[in-house]
PDB file of N, CA and C in Angstrom:
ATOM      1  N   MET A   1      28.989   5.172 -15.694  1.00  0.00           N
ATOM      2  CA  MET A   1      30.034   4.400 -15.055  1.00  0.00           C
ATOM      3  C   MET A   1      29.688   2.917 -15.171  1.00  0.00           C
ATOM      4  N   THR A   2      30.608   2.146 -15.694  1.00  0.00           N
ATOM      5  CA  THR A   2      30.429   0.708 -15.799  1.00  0.00           C
ATOM      6  C   THR A   2      31.055   0.043 -14.578  1.00  0.00           C
ATOM      7  N   LEU A   3      30.244  -0.755 -13.896  1.00  0.00           N
ATOM      8  CA  LEU A   3      30.712  -1.423 -12.682  1.00  0.00           C
ATOM      9  C   LEU A   3      30.824  -2.916 -12.914  1.00  0.00           C
ATOM     10  N   ASP A   4      31.821  -3.518 -12.334  1.00  0.00           N
ATOM     11  CA  ASP A   4      31.975  -4.970 -12.350  1.00  0.00           C
ATOM     12  C   ASP A   4      31.377  -5.496 -11.046  1.00  0.00           C
ATOM     13  N   ILE A   5      30.077  -5.768 -11.077  1.00  0.00           N
ATOM     14  CA  ILE A   5      29.385  -6.240  -9.870  1.00  0.00           C
ATOM     15  C   ILE A   5      29.432  -7.760  -9.861  1.00  0.00           C
ATOM     16  N   ARG A   6      29.906  -8.292  -8.756  1.00  0.00           N
ATOM     17  CA  ARG A   6      30.053  -9.741  -8.597  1.00  0.00           C
ATOM     18  C   ARG A   6      29.116 -10.245  -7.510  1.00  0.00           C
ATOM     19  N   HIS A   7      28.518 -11.399  -7.775  1.00  0.00           N
ATOM     20  CA  HIS A   7      27.712 -12.058  -6.754  1.00  0.00           C
ATOM     21  C   HIS A   7      28.628 -13.006  -5.994  1.00  0.00           C
ATOM     22  N   GLN A   8      28.626 -12.886  -4.684  1.00  0.00           N
ATOM     23  CA  GLN A   8      29.403 -13.771  -3.814  1.00  0.00           C
ATOM     24  C   GLN A   8      28.402 -14.591  -2.999  1.00  0.00           C
ATOM     25  N   PRO A   9      27.877 -15.686  -3.565  1.00  0.00           N
ATOM     26  CA  PRO A   9      26.813 -16.427  -2.884  1.00  0.00           C
ATOM     27  C   PRO A   9      27.210 -16.970  -1.514  1.00  0.00           C
ATOM     28  N   ALA A  10      28.453 -17.367  -1.331  1.00  0.00           N
ATOM     29  CA  ALA A  10      28.881 -17.903  -0.034  1.00  0.00           C
ATOM     30  C   ALA A  10      28.817 -16.832   1.054  1.00  0.00           C
ATOM     31  N   GLU A  11      29.006 -15.568   0.661  1.00  0.00           N
ATOM     32  CA  GLU A  11      28.956 -14.463   1.618  1.00  0.00           C
ATOM     33  C   GLU A  11      27.602 -13.763   1.614  1.00  0.00           C
ATOM     34  N   HIS A  12      26.686 -14.201   0.750  1.00  0.00           N
ATOM     35  CA  HIS A  12      25.364 -13.572   0.614  1.00  0.00           C
ATOM     36  C   HIS A  12      25.533 -12.081   0.335  1.00  0.00           C
ATOM     37  N   ARG A  13      26.229 -11.797  -0.757  1.00  0.00           N
ATOM     38  CA  ARG A  13      26.616 -10.415  -1.026  1.00  0.00           C
ATOM     39  C   ARG A  13      26.785 -10.181  -2.525  1.00  0.00           C
ATOM     40  N   PHE A  14      26.435  -8.962  -2.936  1.00  0.00           N
ATOM     41  CA  PHE A  14      26.802  -8.443  -4.252  1.00  0.00           C
ATOM     42  C   PHE A  14      27.804  -7.346  -3.974  1.00  0.00           C
ATOM     43  N   GLU A  15      28.889  -7.318  -4.753  1.00  0.00           N
ATOM     44  CA  GLU A  15      29.933  -6.350  -4.442  1.00  0.00           C
ATOM     45  C   GLU A  15      30.602  -5.823  -5.694  1.00  0.00           C
ATOM     46  N   THR A  16      31.187  -4.649  -5.541  1.00  0.00           N
ATOM     47  CA  THR A  16      32.030  -4.067  -6.569  1.00  0.00           C
ATOM     48  C   THR A  16      33.078  -3.217  -5.870  1.00  0.00           C
ATOM     49  N   GLU A  17      34.148  -2.962  -6.582  1.00  0.00           N
ATOM     50  CA  GLU A  17      35.194  -2.103  -6.041  1.00  0.00           C
ATOM     51  C   GLU A  17      35.262  -0.838  -6.889  1.00  0.00           C
ATOM     52  N   VAL A  18      35.297   0.309  -6.234  1.00  0.00           N
ATOM     53  CA  VAL A  18      35.420   1.589  -6.921  1.00  0.00           C
ATOM     54  C   VAL A  18      36.553   2.353  -6.258  1.00  0.00           C
ATOM     55  N   GLU A  19      37.544   2.687  -7.048  1.00  0.00           N
ATOM     56  CA  GLU A  19      38.722   3.400  -6.532  1.00  0.00           C
ATOM     57  C   GLU A  19      39.327   2.691  -5.324  1.00  0.00           C
ATOM     58  N   GLY A  20      39.339   1.360  -5.390  1.00  0.00           N
ATOM     59  CA  GLY A  20      39.924   0.557  -4.326  1.00  0.00           C
ATOM     60  C   GLY A  20      39.042   0.380  -3.101  1.00  0.00           C
ATOM     61  N   LEU A  21      37.815   0.908  -3.137  1.00  0.00           N
ATOM     62  CA  LEU A  21      36.897   0.803  -1.994  1.00  0.00           C
ATOM     63  C   LEU A  21      35.796  -0.200  -2.295  1.00  0.00           C
ATOM     64  N   LEU A  22      35.520  -1.070  -1.327  1.00  0.00           N
ATOM     65  CA  LEU A  22      34.507  -2.095  -1.485  1.00  0.00           C
ATOM     66  C   LEU A  22      33.116  -1.518  -1.239  1.00  0.00           C
ATOM     67  N   CYS A  23      32.207  -1.784  -2.171  1.00  0.00           N
ATOM     68  CA  CYS A  23      30.812  -1.356  -2.082  1.00  0.00           C
ATOM     69  C   CYS A  23      29.966  -2.622  -2.130  1.00  0.00           C
ATOM     70  N   VAL A  24      28.959  -2.740  -1.254  1.00  0.00           N
ATOM     71  CA  VAL A  24      28.249  -4.016  -1.131  1.00  0.00           C
ATOM     72  C   VAL A  24      26.746  -3.856  -0.901  1.00  0.00           C
ATOM     73  N   VAL A  25      26.046  -4.908  -1.263  1.00  0.00           N
ATOM     74  CA  VAL A  25      24.676  -5.164  -0.827  1.00  0.00           C
ATOM     75  C   VAL A  25      24.718  -6.540  -0.185  1.00  0.00           C
ATOM     76  N   ASP A  26      24.359  -6.613   1.078  1.00  0.00           N
ATOM     77  CA  ASP A  26      24.303  -7.885   1.803  1.00  0.00           C
ATOM     78  C   ASP A  26      22.860  -8.358   1.878  1.00  0.00           C
ATOM     79  N   TYR A  27      22.690  -9.663   1.895  1.00  0.00           N
ATOM     80  CA  TYR A  27      21.351 -10.224   1.987  1.00  0.00           C
ATOM     81  C   TYR A  27      21.385 -11.546   2.739  1.00  0.00           C
ATOM     82  N   SER A  28      20.215 -11.951   3.186  1.00  0.00           N
ATOM     83  CA  SER A  28      20.049 -13.309   3.704  1.00  0.00           C
ATOM     84  C   SER A  28      19.059 -14.003   2.781  1.00  0.00           C
ATOM     85  N   LEU A  29      19.076 -15.308   2.796  1.00  0.00           N
ATOM     86  CA  LEU A  29      18.197 -16.076   1.923  1.00  0.00           C
ATOM     87  C   LEU A  29      17.600 -17.227   2.704  1.00  0.00           C
ATOM     88  N   ALA A  30      16.281 -17.314   2.693  1.00  0.00           N
ATOM     89  CA  ALA A  30      15.590 -18.415   3.370  1.00  0.00           C
ATOM     90  C   ALA A  30      14.290 -18.711   2.628  1.00  0.00           C
ATOM     91  N   HIS A  31      14.131 -19.958   2.246  1.00  0.00           N
ATOM     92  CA  HIS A  31      12.883 -20.425   1.636  1.00  0.00           C
ATOM     93  C   HIS A  31      12.490 -19.595   0.419  1.00  0.00           C
ATOM     94  N   GLY A  32      13.470 -19.256  -0.417  1.00  0.00           N
ATOM     95  CA  GLY A  32      13.180 -18.513  -1.630  1.00  0.00           C
ATOM     96  C   GLY A  32      12.894 -17.038  -1.424  1.00  0.00           C
ATOM     97  N   VAL A  33      13.264 -16.508  -0.263  1.00  0.00           N
ATOM     98  CA  VAL A  33      13.071 -15.080   0.016  1.00  0.00           C
ATOM     99  C   VAL A  33      14.429 -14.444   0.315  1.00  0.00           C
ATOM    100  N   MET A  34      14.782 -13.480  -0.514  1.00  0.00           N
ATOM    101  CA  MET A  34      16.008 -12.700  -0.309  1.00  0.00           C
ATOM    102  C   MET A  34      15.645 -11.480   0.536  1.00  0.00           C
ATOM    103  N   THR A  35      16.280 -11.354   1.688  1.00  0.00           N
ATOM    104  CA  THR A  35      16.099 -10.172   2.518  1.00  0.00           C
ATOM    105  C   THR A  35      17.347  -9.318   2.379  1.00  0.00           C
ATOM    106  N   ILE A  36      17.189  -8.149   1.765  1.00  0.00           N
ATOM    107  CA  ILE A  36      18.328  -7.241   1.615  1.00  0.00           C
ATOM    108  C   ILE A  36      18.516  -6.535   2.948  1.00  0.00           C
ATOM    109  N   THR A  37      19.655  -6.805   3.575  1.00  0.00           N
ATOM    110  CA  THR A  37      19.877  -6.357   4.945  1.00  0.00           C
ATOM    111  C   THR A  37      20.757  -5.114   5.069  1.00  0.00           C
ATOM    112  N   HIS A  38      21.574  -4.853   4.042  1.00  0.00           N
ATOM    113  CA  HIS A  38      22.541  -3.762   4.210  1.00  0.00           C
ATOM    114  C   HIS A  38      23.069  -3.335   2.846  1.00  0.00           C
ATOM    115  N   THR A  39      23.169  -2.046   2.664  1.00  0.00           N
ATOM    116  CA  THR A  39      23.814  -1.477   1.481  1.00  0.00           C
ATOM    117  C   THR A  39      24.907  -0.547   1.985  1.00  0.00           C
ATOM    118  N   LEU A  40      26.106  -0.711   1.448  1.00  0.00           N
ATOM    119  CA  LEU A  40      27.221   0.125   1.890  1.00  0.00           C
ATOM    120  C   LEU A  40      28.014   0.632   0.699  1.00  0.00           C
ATOM    121  N   VAL A  41      28.090   1.944   0.578  1.00  0.00           N
ATOM    122  CA  VAL A  41      28.960   2.604  -0.387  1.00  0.00           C
ATOM    123  C   VAL A  41      29.726   3.654   0.407  1.00  0.00           C
ATOM    124  N   PRO A  42      31.044   3.517   0.490  1.00  0.00           N
ATOM    125  CA  PRO A  42      31.817   4.506   1.245  1.00  0.00           C
ATOM    126  C   PRO A  42      31.571   5.930   0.727  1.00  0.00           C
ATOM    127  N   GLU A  43      31.540   6.869   1.640  1.00  0.00           N
ATOM    128  CA  GLU A  43      31.256   8.269   1.318  1.00  0.00           C
ATOM    129  C   GLU A  43      32.167   8.807   0.221  1.00  0.00           C
ATOM    130  N   ALA A  44      33.411   8.366   0.214  1.00  0.00           N
ATOM    131  CA  ALA A  44      34.381   8.874  -0.771  1.00  0.00           C
ATOM    132  C   ALA A  44      33.977   8.588  -2.212  1.00  0.00           C
ATOM    133  N   VAL A  45      33.145   7.573  -2.432  1.00  0.00           N
ATOM    134  CA  VAL A  45      32.715   7.243  -3.792  1.00  0.00           C
ATOM    135  C   VAL A  45      31.191   7.336  -3.930  1.00  0.00           C
ATOM    136  N   GLY A  46      30.544   7.946  -2.962  1.00  0.00           N
ATOM    137  CA  GLY A  46      29.084   8.081  -2.978  1.00  0.00           C
ATOM    138  C   GLY A  46      28.602   9.056  -4.039  1.00  0.00           C
ATOM    139  N   GLY A  47      27.305   9.013  -4.288  1.00  0.00           N
ATOM    140  CA  GLY A  47      26.681   9.943  -5.216  1.00  0.00           C
ATOM    141  C   GLY A  47      26.888   9.616  -6.678  1.00  0.00           C
ATOM    142  N   ARG A  48      27.310   8.408  -6.976  1.00  0.00           N
ATOM    143  CA  ARG A  48      27.589   8.018  -8.366  1.00  0.00           C
ATOM    144  C   ARG A  48      26.630   6.942  -8.883  1.00  0.00           C
ATOM    145  N   GLY A  49      25.631   6.602  -8.084  1.00  0.00           N
ATOM    146  CA  GLY A  49      24.696   5.570  -8.509  1.00  0.00           C
ATOM    147  C   GLY A  49      25.156   4.155  -8.243  1.00  0.00           C
ATOM    148  N   ILE A  50      26.187   4.011  -7.431  1.00  0.00           N
ATOM    149  CA  ILE A  50      26.738   2.683  -7.154  1.00  0.00           C
ATOM    150  C   ILE A  50      25.744   1.840  -6.369  1.00  0.00           C
ATOM    151  N   ALA A  51      25.162   2.397  -5.317  1.00  0.00           N
ATOM    152  CA  ALA A  51      24.189   1.644  -4.517  1.00  0.00           C
ATOM    153  C   ALA A  51      23.004   1.233  -5.369  1.00  0.00           C
ATOM    154  N   ALA A  52      22.543   2.134  -6.229  1.00  0.00           N
ATOM    155  CA  ALA A  52      21.422   1.814  -7.114  1.00  0.00           C
ATOM    156  C   ALA A  52      21.765   0.637  -8.022  1.00  0.00           C
ATOM    157  N   SER A  53      22.961   0.632  -8.575  1.00  0.00           N
ATOM    158  CA  SER A  53      23.379  -0.462  -9.449  1.00  0.00           C
ATOM    159  C   SER A  53      23.471  -1.776  -8.688  1.00  0.00           C
ATOM    160  N   LEU A  54      23.973  -1.719  -7.462  1.00  0.00           N
ATOM    161  CA  LEU A  54      24.061  -2.928  -6.649  1.00  0.00           C
ATOM    162  C   LEU A  54      22.676  -3.487  -6.332  1.00  0.00           C
ATOM    163  N   VAL A  55      21.752  -2.621  -5.918  1.00  0.00           N
ATOM    164  CA  VAL A  55      20.400  -3.077  -5.587  1.00  0.00           C
ATOM    165  C   VAL A  55      19.715  -3.634  -6.830  1.00  0.00           C
ATOM    166  N   LYS A  56      19.831  -2.935  -7.944  1.00  0.00           N
ATOM    167  CA  LYS A  56      19.203  -3.415  -9.182  1.00  0.00           C
ATOM    168  C   LYS A  56      19.759  -4.774  -9.579  1.00  0.00           C
ATOM    169  N   THR A  57      21.056  -4.954  -9.474  1.00  0.00           N
ATOM    170  CA  THR A  57      21.669  -6.246  -9.804  1.00  0.00           C
ATOM    171  C   THR A  57      21.145  -7.336  -8.886  1.00  0.00           C
ATOM    172  N   ALA A  58      21.017  -7.051  -7.601  1.00  0.00           N
ATOM    173  CA  ALA A  58      20.486  -8.035  -6.647  1.00  0.00           C
ATOM    174  C   ALA A  58      19.042  -8.395  -7.001  1.00  0.00           C
ATOM    175  N   LEU A  59      18.231  -7.396  -7.361  1.00  0.00           N
ATOM    176  CA  LEU A  59      16.837  -7.659  -7.703  1.00  0.00           C
ATOM    177  C   LEU A  59      16.718  -8.437  -9.007  1.00  0.00           C
ATOM    178  N   GLU A  60      17.559  -8.125  -9.970  1.00  0.00           N
ATOM    179  CA  GLU A  60      17.549  -8.879 -11.224  1.00  0.00           C
ATOM    180  C   GLU A  60      17.939 -10.333 -10.974  1.00  0.00           C
ATOM    181  N   HIS A  61      18.892 -10.538 -10.084  1.00  0.00           N
ATOM    182  CA  HIS A  61      19.282 -11.905  -9.727  1.00  0.00           C
ATOM    183  C   HIS A  61      18.105 -12.627  -9.054  1.00  0.00           C
ATOM    184  N   ALA A  62      17.451 -11.950  -8.134  1.00  0.00           N
ATOM    185  CA  ALA A  62      16.281 -12.539  -7.459  1.00  0.00           C
ATOM    186  C   ALA A  62      15.213 -12.917  -8.480  1.00  0.00           C
ATOM    187  N   ARG A  63      14.988 -12.061  -9.442  1.00  0.00           N
ATOM    188  CA  ARG A  63      13.984 -12.348 -10.478  1.00  0.00           C
ATOM    189  C   ARG A  63      14.364 -13.604 -11.269  1.00  0.00           C
ATOM    190  N   ARG A  64      15.621 -13.712 -11.672  1.00  0.00           N
ATOM    191  CA  ARG A  64      16.068 -14.902 -12.423  1.00  0.00           C
ATOM    192  C   ARG A  64      15.916 -16.182 -11.610  1.00  0.00           C
ATOM    193  N   GLU A  65      16.130 -16.073 -10.300  1.00  0.00           N
ATOM    194  CA  GLU A  65      16.053 -17.248  -9.424  1.00  0.00           C
ATOM    195  C   GLU A  65      14.632 -17.520  -8.925  1.00  0.00           C
ATOM    196  N   HIS A  66      13.690 -16.649  -9.289  1.00  0.00           N
ATOM    197  CA  HIS A  66      12.285 -16.750  -8.840  1.00  0.00           C
ATOM    198  C   HIS A  66      12.171 -16.604  -7.321  1.00  0.00           C
ATOM    199  N   TRP A  67      13.013 -15.711  -6.758  1.00  0.00           N
ATOM    200  CA  TRP A  67      12.951 -15.407  -5.340  1.00  0.00           C
ATOM    201  C   TRP A  67      12.043 -14.202  -5.116  1.00  0.00           C
ATOM    202  N   LYS A  68      11.463 -14.128  -3.957  1.00  0.00           N
ATOM    203  CA  LYS A  68      10.774 -12.932  -3.499  1.00  0.00           C
ATOM    204  C   LYS A  68      11.787 -12.100  -2.720  1.00  0.00           C
ATOM    205  N   VAL A  69      11.455 -10.840  -2.458  1.00  0.00           N
ATOM    206  CA  VAL A  69      12.411  -9.927  -1.829  1.00  0.00           C
ATOM    207  C   VAL A  69      11.757  -9.161  -0.685  1.00  0.00           C
ATOM    208  N   VAL A  70      12.506  -9.037   0.410  1.00  0.00           N
ATOM    209  CA  VAL A  70      12.147  -8.145   1.512  1.00  0.00           C
ATOM    210  C   VAL A  70      13.250  -7.089   1.580  1.00  0.00           C
ATOM    211  N   PRO A  71      12.932  -5.824   1.270  1.00  0.00           N
ATOM    212  CA  PRO A  71      13.954  -4.777   1.344  1.00  0.00           C
ATOM    213  C   PRO A  71      14.068  -4.236   2.775  1.00  0.00           C
ATOM    214  N   ALA A  72      14.745  -4.980   3.643  1.00  0.00           N
ATOM    215  CA  ALA A  72      14.873  -4.585   5.049  1.00  0.00           C
ATOM    216  C   ALA A  72      15.792  -3.378   5.225  1.00  0.00           C
ATOM    217  N   CYS A  73      16.706  -3.199   4.311  1.00  0.00           N
ATOM    218  CA  CYS A  73      17.612  -2.048   4.322  1.00  0.00           C
ATOM    219  C   CYS A  73      16.846  -0.820   3.840  1.00  0.00           C
ATOM    220  N   SER A  74      17.016   0.309   4.502  1.00  0.00           N
ATOM    221  CA  SER A  74      16.264   1.515   4.151  1.00  0.00           C
ATOM    222  C   SER A  74      16.566   1.993   2.728  1.00  0.00           C
ATOM    223  N   TYR A  75      17.806   1.847   2.278  1.00  0.00           N
ATOM    224  CA  TYR A  75      18.131   2.269   0.916  1.00  0.00           C
ATOM    225  C   TYR A  75      17.402   1.384  -0.091  1.00  0.00           C
ATOM    226  N   ALA A  76      17.444   0.071   0.103  1.00  0.00           N
ATOM    227  CA  ALA A  76      16.777  -0.848  -0.823  1.00  0.00           C
ATOM    228  C   ALA A  76      15.269  -0.593  -0.831  1.00  0.00           C
ATOM    229  N   GLU A  77      14.699  -0.314   0.323  1.00  0.00           N
ATOM    230  CA  GLU A  77      13.266  -0.008   0.414  1.00  0.00           C
ATOM    231  C   GLU A  77      12.934   1.244  -0.401  1.00  0.00           C
ATOM    232  N   ALA A  78      13.706   2.288  -0.224  1.00  0.00           N
ATOM    233  CA  ALA A  78      13.469   3.535  -0.960  1.00  0.00           C
ATOM    234  C   ALA A  78      13.662   3.322  -2.459  1.00  0.00           C
ATOM    235  N   TRP A  79      14.676   2.568  -2.838  1.00  0.00           N
ATOM    236  CA  TRP A  79      14.941   2.307  -4.251  1.00  0.00           C
ATOM    237  C   TRP A  79      13.772   1.554  -4.875  1.00  0.00           C
ATOM    238  N   MET A  80      13.271   0.552  -4.176  1.00  0.00           N
ATOM    239  CA  MET A  80      12.144  -0.222  -4.709  1.00  0.00           C
ATOM    240  C   MET A  80      10.883   0.637  -4.817  1.00  0.00           C
ATOM    241  N   ARG A  81      10.674   1.549  -3.891  1.00  0.00           N
ATOM    242  CA  ARG A  81       9.515   2.450  -3.982  1.00  0.00           C
ATOM    243  C   ARG A  81       9.595   3.311  -5.237  1.00  0.00           C
ATOM    244  N   ARG A  82      10.810   3.716  -5.600  1.00  0.00           N
ATOM    245  CA  ARG A  82      10.997   4.546  -6.792  1.00  0.00           C
ATOM    246  C   ARG A  82      10.953   3.741  -8.096  1.00  0.00           C
ATOM    247  N   HIS A  83      10.987   2.421  -7.997  1.00  0.00           N
ATOM    248  CA  HIS A  83      11.012   1.548  -9.175  1.00  0.00           C
ATOM    249  C   HIS A  83       9.921   0.483  -9.061  1.00  0.00           C
ATOM    250  N   PRO A  84       8.680   0.882  -9.312  1.00  0.00           N
ATOM    251  CA  PRO A  84       7.558  -0.047  -9.135  1.00  0.00           C
ATOM    252  C   PRO A  84       7.597  -1.257 -10.073  1.00  0.00           C
ATOM    253  N   GLU A  85       8.457  -1.226 -11.070  1.00  0.00           N
ATOM    254  CA  GLU A  85       8.582  -2.388 -11.954  1.00  0.00           C
ATOM    255  C   GLU A  85       9.131  -3.614 -11.227  1.00  0.00           C
ATOM    256  N   TYR A  86       9.585  -3.421  -9.989  1.00  0.00           N
ATOM    257  CA  TYR A  86      10.077  -4.546  -9.179  1.00  0.00           C
ATOM    258  C   TYR A  86       9.084  -4.947  -8.079  1.00  0.00           C
ATOM    259  N   ASP A  87       7.906  -4.344  -8.077  1.00  0.00           N
ATOM    260  CA  ASP A  87       6.910  -4.657  -7.043  1.00  0.00           C
ATOM    261  C   ASP A  87       6.523  -6.123  -7.026  1.00  0.00           C
ATOM    262  N   ASP A  88       6.592  -6.776  -8.176  1.00  0.00           N
ATOM    263  CA  ASP A  88       6.226  -8.204  -8.234  1.00  0.00           C
ATOM    264  C   ASP A  88       7.170  -9.075  -7.403  1.00  0.00           C
ATOM    265  N   LEU A  89       8.329  -8.557  -7.057  1.00  0.00           N
ATOM    266  CA  LEU A  89       9.285  -9.325  -6.257  1.00  0.00           C
ATOM    267  C   LEU A  89       9.033  -9.225  -4.756  1.00  0.00           C
ATOM    268  N   ARG A  90       8.311  -8.206  -4.341  1.00  0.00           N
ATOM    269  CA  ARG A  90       8.078  -7.986  -2.901  1.00  0.00           C
ATOM    270  C   ARG A  90       7.284  -9.129  -2.278  1.00  0.00           C
ATOM    271  N   VAL A  91       7.650  -9.461  -1.060  1.00  0.00           N
ATOM    272  CA  VAL A  91       6.871 -10.427  -0.295  1.00  0.00           C
ATOM    273  C   VAL A  91       5.564  -9.758   0.110  1.00  0.00           C
ATOM    274  N   GLY A  92       4.474 -10.491  -0.070  1.00  0.00           N
ATOM    275  CA  GLY A  92       3.182  -9.962   0.400  1.00  0.00           C
ATOM    276  C   GLY A  92       2.431  -9.185  -0.557  1.00  0.00           C
TER     277      GLY A  92
END
């Protein structure tokens, strides 16, 4: 599935629409640290890898910007544990 994921910097969010439903990763940013605070994919479109794509896009953006990451959201934390290639982005 190809997703059109958009970064909305004013809202501190990465988002895409699937079947008319908004799917998001929200974050806060302070002093070069992106804290991923929330991942939301409505149940009706769940199980398709949408959350994974959103988190990966957010982490790739953080890498390009030379930001560190705190995965405060449980989904983002679990995703990062499964993808150690992003460990260099973790704070600490």
